[in-house]
N, C-alpha and C. Protein backbone atom coordinates (compact mmCIF):
# COMPACT_ATOMS: atom_id res chain seq x y z
N MET A 1 -3.36 20.28 -3.83
CA MET A 1 -3.74 18.93 -3.43
C MET A 1 -3.81 18.88 -1.89
N VAL A 2 -4.89 18.36 -1.36
CA VAL A 2 -5.08 18.27 0.08
C VAL A 2 -4.86 16.82 0.52
N TRP A 3 -4.05 16.66 1.54
CA TRP A 3 -3.76 15.33 2.08
C TRP A 3 -4.42 15.19 3.45
N GLU A 4 -4.88 13.99 3.73
CA GLU A 4 -5.41 13.67 5.06
C GLU A 4 -4.57 12.53 5.64
N LEU A 5 -3.29 12.80 5.89
CA LEU A 5 -2.39 11.74 6.34
C LEU A 5 -2.09 11.79 7.83
N ARG A 6 -2.70 12.67 8.54
CA ARG A 6 -2.44 12.73 9.97
C ARG A 6 -3.40 11.77 10.68
N HIS A 7 -2.86 10.64 11.03
CA HIS A 7 -3.65 9.60 11.68
C HIS A 7 -3.01 9.23 13.01
N ASP A 8 -3.82 8.77 13.91
CA ASP A 8 -3.34 8.25 15.17
C ASP A 8 -2.57 6.97 14.87
N PRO A 9 -1.42 6.76 15.50
CA PRO A 9 -0.65 5.52 15.25
C PRO A 9 -1.46 4.25 15.48
N ASP A 10 -2.48 4.31 16.32
CA ASP A 10 -3.31 3.13 16.58
C ASP A 10 -4.20 2.78 15.40
N GLU A 11 -4.36 3.70 14.44
CA GLU A 11 -5.20 3.44 13.28
C GLU A 11 -4.49 2.56 12.24
N TYR A 12 -3.17 2.48 12.30
CA TYR A 12 -2.41 1.68 11.34
C TYR A 12 -2.50 0.21 11.71
N ILE A 13 -2.66 -0.64 10.68
CA ILE A 13 -2.71 -2.07 10.93
C ILE A 13 -1.70 -2.78 10.04
N SER A 14 -1.24 -3.93 10.47
CA SER A 14 -0.30 -4.73 9.68
C SER A 14 -1.08 -5.63 8.74
N ILE A 15 -0.68 -5.62 7.47
CA ILE A 15 -1.30 -6.50 6.49
C ILE A 15 -0.22 -7.13 5.62
N ILE A 16 -0.62 -8.14 4.88
CA ILE A 16 0.24 -8.73 3.85
C ILE A 16 -0.16 -8.07 2.53
N ALA A 17 0.82 -7.57 1.83
CA ALA A 17 0.58 -6.93 0.53
C ALA A 17 1.41 -7.65 -0.52
N GLU A 18 1.06 -7.43 -1.79
CA GLU A 18 1.80 -8.08 -2.86
C GLU A 18 2.11 -7.08 -3.97
N VAL A 19 3.24 -7.34 -4.62
CA VAL A 19 3.64 -6.53 -5.77
C VAL A 19 2.92 -7.09 -6.99
N PHE A 20 2.35 -6.19 -7.81
CA PHE A 20 1.66 -6.61 -9.02
C PHE A 20 2.00 -5.64 -10.14
N TYR A 21 1.80 -6.08 -11.39
CA TYR A 21 2.01 -5.19 -12.52
C TYR A 21 0.72 -4.41 -12.76
N ASP A 22 0.81 -3.09 -12.73
CA ASP A 22 -0.34 -2.22 -12.91
C ASP A 22 -0.35 -1.74 -14.37
N PRO A 23 -1.18 -2.34 -15.22
CA PRO A 23 -1.18 -1.96 -16.63
C PRO A 23 -1.61 -0.50 -16.87
N ALA A 24 -2.41 0.06 -15.99
CA ALA A 24 -2.84 1.45 -16.15
C ALA A 24 -1.66 2.41 -16.01
N ARG A 25 -0.71 2.07 -15.14
CA ARG A 25 0.45 2.94 -14.92
C ARG A 25 1.69 2.42 -15.64
N ARG A 26 1.59 1.20 -16.20
CA ARG A 26 2.70 0.54 -16.90
C ARG A 26 3.93 0.36 -16.03
N LYS A 27 3.69 0.05 -14.76
CA LYS A 27 4.78 -0.26 -13.84
C LYS A 27 4.21 -1.01 -12.63
N ASN A 28 5.10 -1.52 -11.80
CA ASN A 28 4.67 -2.28 -10.63
C ASN A 28 3.97 -1.38 -9.62
N GLY A 29 2.99 -1.98 -8.94
CA GLY A 29 2.29 -1.34 -7.85
C GLY A 29 2.22 -2.31 -6.69
N VAL A 30 1.60 -1.89 -5.61
CA VAL A 30 1.43 -2.73 -4.43
C VAL A 30 -0.03 -2.69 -4.03
N ARG A 31 -0.58 -3.85 -3.70
CA ARG A 31 -1.99 -3.96 -3.30
C ARG A 31 -2.10 -4.97 -2.16
N PRO A 32 -3.23 -4.95 -1.44
CA PRO A 32 -3.43 -5.95 -0.39
C PRO A 32 -3.49 -7.35 -1.00
N ALA A 33 -2.92 -8.32 -0.33
CA ALA A 33 -2.99 -9.71 -0.78
C ALA A 33 -4.40 -10.24 -0.54
N SER A 34 -4.74 -11.29 -1.23
CA SER A 34 -6.03 -11.94 -1.06
C SER A 34 -6.22 -12.35 0.40
N GLY A 35 -7.42 -12.13 0.93
CA GLY A 35 -7.72 -12.52 2.31
C GLY A 35 -7.46 -11.43 3.33
N GLU A 36 -6.93 -10.30 2.90
CA GLU A 36 -6.69 -9.19 3.82
C GLU A 36 -7.98 -8.37 3.97
N PRO A 37 -8.06 -7.50 4.98
CA PRO A 37 -9.32 -6.77 5.22
C PRO A 37 -9.63 -5.65 4.23
N PHE A 38 -8.79 -5.45 3.24
CA PHE A 38 -9.04 -4.43 2.21
C PHE A 38 -9.16 -5.10 0.86
N PRO A 39 -9.94 -4.52 -0.07
CA PRO A 39 -10.09 -5.13 -1.39
C PRO A 39 -8.78 -5.07 -2.19
N GLN A 40 -8.59 -6.06 -3.06
CA GLN A 40 -7.36 -6.12 -3.85
C GLN A 40 -7.26 -5.01 -4.90
N ASN A 41 -8.35 -4.33 -5.20
CA ASN A 41 -8.26 -3.24 -6.17
C ASN A 41 -7.84 -1.93 -5.52
N MET A 42 -7.57 -1.95 -4.22
CA MET A 42 -7.12 -0.77 -3.51
C MET A 42 -5.59 -0.70 -3.61
N LYS A 43 -5.07 0.44 -4.01
CA LYS A 43 -3.62 0.60 -4.16
C LYS A 43 -3.00 1.00 -2.83
N ILE A 44 -1.71 0.68 -2.69
CA ILE A 44 -0.96 1.06 -1.50
C ILE A 44 0.17 1.99 -1.91
N GLU A 45 0.21 3.17 -1.31
CA GLU A 45 1.33 4.08 -1.52
C GLU A 45 2.38 3.71 -0.48
N CYS A 46 3.59 3.37 -0.95
CA CYS A 46 4.62 2.89 -0.04
C CYS A 46 6.00 3.14 -0.65
N ALA A 47 7.02 2.61 -0.02
CA ALA A 47 8.40 2.80 -0.46
C ALA A 47 8.63 2.24 -1.85
N ARG A 48 9.38 2.96 -2.66
CA ARG A 48 9.73 2.51 -4.01
C ARG A 48 10.45 1.16 -3.95
N LYS A 49 11.23 0.96 -2.90
CA LYS A 49 11.98 -0.30 -2.76
C LYS A 49 11.03 -1.50 -2.84
N ILE A 50 9.85 -1.37 -2.26
CA ILE A 50 8.88 -2.47 -2.29
C ILE A 50 8.38 -2.68 -3.72
N ARG A 51 8.08 -1.60 -4.43
CA ARG A 51 7.60 -1.72 -5.81
C ARG A 51 8.66 -2.28 -6.74
N ASP A 52 9.92 -2.18 -6.35
CA ASP A 52 11.01 -2.71 -7.17
C ASP A 52 11.20 -4.22 -7.02
N TYR A 53 10.55 -4.84 -6.04
CA TYR A 53 10.62 -6.30 -5.91
C TYR A 53 9.92 -6.95 -7.10
N PRO A 54 10.24 -8.20 -7.41
CA PRO A 54 9.56 -8.89 -8.52
C PRO A 54 8.06 -9.04 -8.27
N VAL A 55 7.30 -9.05 -9.36
CA VAL A 55 5.85 -9.26 -9.28
C VAL A 55 5.59 -10.56 -8.51
N GLY A 56 4.62 -10.52 -7.60
CA GLY A 56 4.27 -11.69 -6.80
C GLY A 56 4.91 -11.68 -5.42
N THR A 57 5.92 -10.84 -5.19
CA THR A 57 6.57 -10.76 -3.89
C THR A 57 5.55 -10.27 -2.86
N LYS A 58 5.56 -10.91 -1.69
CA LYS A 58 4.64 -10.51 -0.61
C LYS A 58 5.45 -9.90 0.52
N VAL A 59 4.88 -8.84 1.09
CA VAL A 59 5.51 -8.13 2.20
C VAL A 59 4.48 -7.85 3.28
N LYS A 60 4.97 -7.76 4.49
CA LYS A 60 4.12 -7.37 5.62
C LYS A 60 4.47 -5.92 5.94
N LEU A 61 3.45 -5.06 5.97
CA LEU A 61 3.68 -3.66 6.29
C LEU A 61 2.48 -3.07 7.00
N ARG A 62 2.70 -1.91 7.61
CA ARG A 62 1.63 -1.21 8.33
C ARG A 62 1.01 -0.18 7.41
N VAL A 63 -0.32 -0.16 7.37
CA VAL A 63 -1.05 0.75 6.49
C VAL A 63 -2.21 1.41 7.22
N VAL A 64 -2.68 2.50 6.62
CA VAL A 64 -3.90 3.16 7.08
C VAL A 64 -4.65 3.60 5.82
N GLU A 65 -5.97 3.53 5.87
CA GLU A 65 -6.77 4.00 4.74
C GLU A 65 -6.82 5.52 4.79
N THR A 66 -6.64 6.14 3.64
CA THR A 66 -6.64 7.60 3.56
C THR A 66 -7.17 8.04 2.20
N THR A 67 -7.33 9.34 2.02
CA THR A 67 -7.79 9.88 0.75
C THR A 67 -7.06 11.18 0.44
N ARG A 68 -7.09 11.55 -0.82
CA ARG A 68 -6.66 12.86 -1.28
C ARG A 68 -7.89 13.52 -1.89
N GLU A 69 -7.88 14.80 -1.93
CA GLU A 69 -8.99 15.52 -2.57
C GLU A 69 -9.11 15.06 -4.01
N ASP A 70 -10.32 14.79 -4.47
CA ASP A 70 -10.58 14.34 -5.84
C ASP A 70 -9.93 13.00 -6.17
N SER A 71 -9.83 12.12 -5.20
CA SER A 71 -9.20 10.81 -5.42
C SER A 71 -9.98 9.74 -4.68
N ARG A 72 -9.86 8.52 -5.15
CA ARG A 72 -10.51 7.43 -4.43
C ARG A 72 -9.64 7.04 -3.24
N PRO A 73 -10.21 6.38 -2.23
CA PRO A 73 -9.43 5.96 -1.05
C PRO A 73 -8.28 5.04 -1.46
N PHE A 74 -7.20 5.11 -0.70
CA PHE A 74 -6.05 4.24 -0.92
C PHE A 74 -5.42 3.95 0.44
N LEU A 75 -4.46 3.04 0.45
CA LEU A 75 -3.75 2.71 1.68
C LEU A 75 -2.39 3.39 1.65
N TYR A 76 -1.96 3.85 2.81
CA TYR A 76 -0.69 4.56 2.91
C TYR A 76 0.21 3.86 3.92
N SER A 77 1.47 3.70 3.54
CA SER A 77 2.51 3.20 4.42
C SER A 77 3.75 4.05 4.18
N SER A 78 4.30 4.66 5.19
CA SER A 78 5.43 5.57 5.01
C SER A 78 6.63 4.85 4.41
N TYR A 79 7.30 5.53 3.50
CA TYR A 79 8.51 4.97 2.89
C TYR A 79 9.63 4.82 3.92
N LYS A 80 9.51 5.47 5.06
CA LYS A 80 10.54 5.40 6.10
C LYS A 80 10.40 4.15 6.98
N TRP A 81 9.23 3.52 6.93
CA TRP A 81 8.98 2.39 7.82
C TRP A 81 9.56 1.10 7.28
N LYS A 82 9.90 0.23 8.19
CA LYS A 82 10.41 -1.09 7.82
C LYS A 82 9.27 -1.95 7.30
N HIS A 83 9.63 -2.88 6.43
CA HIS A 83 8.68 -3.89 5.96
C HIS A 83 9.39 -5.24 6.04
N GLU A 84 8.61 -6.29 5.96
CA GLU A 84 9.16 -7.65 6.12
C GLU A 84 8.74 -8.49 4.93
N LEU A 85 9.68 -9.14 4.28
CA LEU A 85 9.34 -10.07 3.21
C LEU A 85 8.66 -11.29 3.80
N VAL A 86 7.63 -11.77 3.15
CA VAL A 86 6.87 -12.92 3.66
C VAL A 86 7.13 -14.10 2.76
């Protein structure tokens, strides 16, 4: 698997994201909230702690658009970074 996660820190932007139930994976996921610059069908890879919040919880976090080989684009936020409940 090839990762393209080396980005300039200036490429990351702060967005509001929300926890949702992902029926395809049968567990909670995180996606951009309505009105953010990314489509709501784009998934966010982030800290498990965020996915453990109740469905509908909104958080502010820094993300960057990235891809993996043979995968559609997604947003990435390091599990080490702080996030803020909104």
